[in-house]
Amino acid sequence: MERYLNVTEARKELLDLVEQLKKGDRVVLTKRGQPKAVLVNFERYALLEDLAWVLQDPGRQAALHQAWNELQHGNIIRPPKQSPLTVRSLRGLARKPSRRRVGV
């Protein structure tokens, strides 16, 4: 949900606004009718930061496109079922030169 508030109203409601933010919600803060800032919950902010990090580098952006194309063609990597999924285990799978592909 997107909500627009002017800065004066937002200042009065700030504590409530922070408590009410859900995953996809955002509050657009306006000044003299013009959008000036956005409040989002921290998880959403972190996701946007990660996405920006990927898209700012041509190499990372190309890797994302390649991964998407592989997924569209059914070429996926399946992690071992017995181990928990962690960032470390995912990085290990990504670095293996001989990836086990499913659906090829």
Protein backbone atom coordinates (compact mmCIF):
# COMPACT_ATOMS: atom_id res chain seq x y z
CA MET A 1 0.00 0.00 0.00
CA GLU A 2 1.23 3.48 -0.82
CA ARG A 3 0.25 6.43 1.31
CA TYR A 4 1.07 10.11 0.81
CA LEU A 5 1.60 12.44 3.75
CA ASN A 6 3.00 15.91 3.99
CA VAL A 7 6.01 16.32 6.25
CA THR A 8 4.03 18.10 8.99
CA GLU A 9 1.48 15.27 9.23
CA ALA A 10 4.24 12.66 9.11
CA ARG A 11 6.11 14.35 11.96
CA LYS A 12 3.01 14.08 14.15
CA GLU A 13 2.43 10.42 13.21
CA LEU A 14 6.02 9.17 12.88
CA LEU A 15 5.95 6.56 15.66
CA ASP A 16 2.63 5.16 14.43
CA LEU A 17 3.83 5.19 10.81
CA VAL A 18 6.89 3.14 11.67
CA GLU A 19 4.81 0.63 13.60
CA GLN A 20 2.26 0.30 10.79
CA LEU A 21 4.69 -0.32 7.92
CA LYS A 22 4.35 -3.80 6.48
CA LYS A 23 6.58 -5.55 3.96
CA GLY A 24 5.31 -3.89 0.79
CA ASP A 25 4.00 -0.67 2.29
CA ARG A 26 5.54 2.69 1.72
CA VAL A 27 4.75 6.20 2.86
CA VAL A 28 5.67 8.98 0.47
CA LEU A 29 6.52 12.17 2.32
CA THR A 30 5.67 15.35 0.48
CA LYS A 31 6.64 18.97 0.92
CA ARG A 32 4.50 21.59 -0.81
CA GLY A 33 2.80 18.77 -2.72
CA GLN A 34 6.04 17.35 -4.16
CA PRO A 35 7.39 13.89 -3.16
CA LYS A 36 10.60 14.33 -1.13
CA ALA A 37 11.22 11.05 0.73
CA VAL A 38 9.84 7.56 1.24
CA LEU A 39 9.43 5.48 4.39
CA VAL A 40 9.66 1.72 3.90
CA ASN A 41 10.22 -1.09 6.35
CA PHE A 42 13.81 -2.22 6.81
CA GLU A 43 13.43 -5.57 5.00
CA ARG A 44 12.15 -3.78 1.90
CA TYR A 45 14.98 -1.24 2.13
CA ALA A 46 17.59 -4.03 2.38
CA LEU A 47 16.09 -5.77 -0.64
CA LEU A 48 16.21 -2.53 -2.66
CA GLU A 49 19.83 -1.96 -1.60
CA ASP A 50 20.79 -5.47 -2.71
CA LEU A 51 19.03 -5.02 -6.03
CA ALA A 52 20.76 -1.68 -6.60
CA TRP A 53 24.11 -3.33 -5.78
CA VAL A 54 23.50 -5.99 -8.45
CA LEU A 55 22.26 -3.60 -11.10
CA GLN A 56 25.05 -1.01 -10.64
CA ASP A 57 27.74 -3.37 -11.91
CA PRO A 58 27.60 -4.59 -15.52
CA GLY A 59 29.23 -7.92 -14.57
CA ARG A 60 26.71 -8.64 -11.82
CA GLN A 61 23.88 -7.51 -14.07
CA ALA A 62 25.06 -9.87 -16.83
CA ALA A 63 25.30 -12.73 -14.32
CA LEU A 64 21.74 -12.03 -13.21
CA HIS A 65 20.51 -12.11 -16.82
CA GLN A 66 22.43 -15.33 -17.47
CA ALA A 67 20.95 -16.94 -14.36
CA TRP A 68 17.47 -15.87 -15.43
CA ASN A 69 17.97 -17.36 -18.90
CA GLU A 70 19.24 -20.62 -17.40
CA LEU A 71 16.21 -20.76 -15.13
CA GLN A 72 13.87 -20.15 -18.07
CA HIS A 73 15.48 -23.11 -19.88
CA GLY A 74 15.19 -25.37 -16.83
CA ASN A 75 18.91 -25.32 -15.99
CA ILE A 76 18.96 -25.10 -12.22
CA ILE A 77 21.29 -26.10 -9.41
CA ARG A 78 19.78 -28.09 -6.59
CA PRO A 79 21.50 -27.85 -3.20
CA PRO A 80 21.92 -31.05 -1.19
CA LYS A 81 18.78 -31.77 0.84
CA GLN A 82 20.64 -32.77 4.00
CA SER A 83 22.41 -29.43 4.52
CA PRO A 84 20.70 -26.21 5.59
CA LEU A 85 20.59 -23.45 3.01
CA THR A 86 22.98 -20.68 3.99
CA VAL A 87 24.79 -17.90 2.17
CA ARG A 88 28.00 -19.90 2.53
CA SER A 89 26.48 -23.04 0.99
CA LEU A 90 24.96 -21.05 -1.88
CA ARG A 91 28.29 -19.36 -2.59
CA GLY A 92 29.96 -22.76 -2.59
CA LEU A 93 27.46 -24.08 -5.13
CA ALA A 94 27.93 -21.02 -7.33
CA ARG A 95 31.72 -21.39 -7.33
CA LYS A 96 31.80 -25.09 -8.27
CA PRO A 97 33.10 -25.37 -11.83
CA SER A 98 31.13 -28.52 -12.61
CA ARG A 99 27.59 -27.65 -11.62
CA ARG A 100 25.06 -30.42 -11.55
CA ARG A 101 22.25 -29.31 -13.82
CA VAL A 102 18.71 -30.57 -13.62
CA GLY A 103 16.41 -30.54 -16.62
CA VAL A 104 19.07 -30.34 -19.34
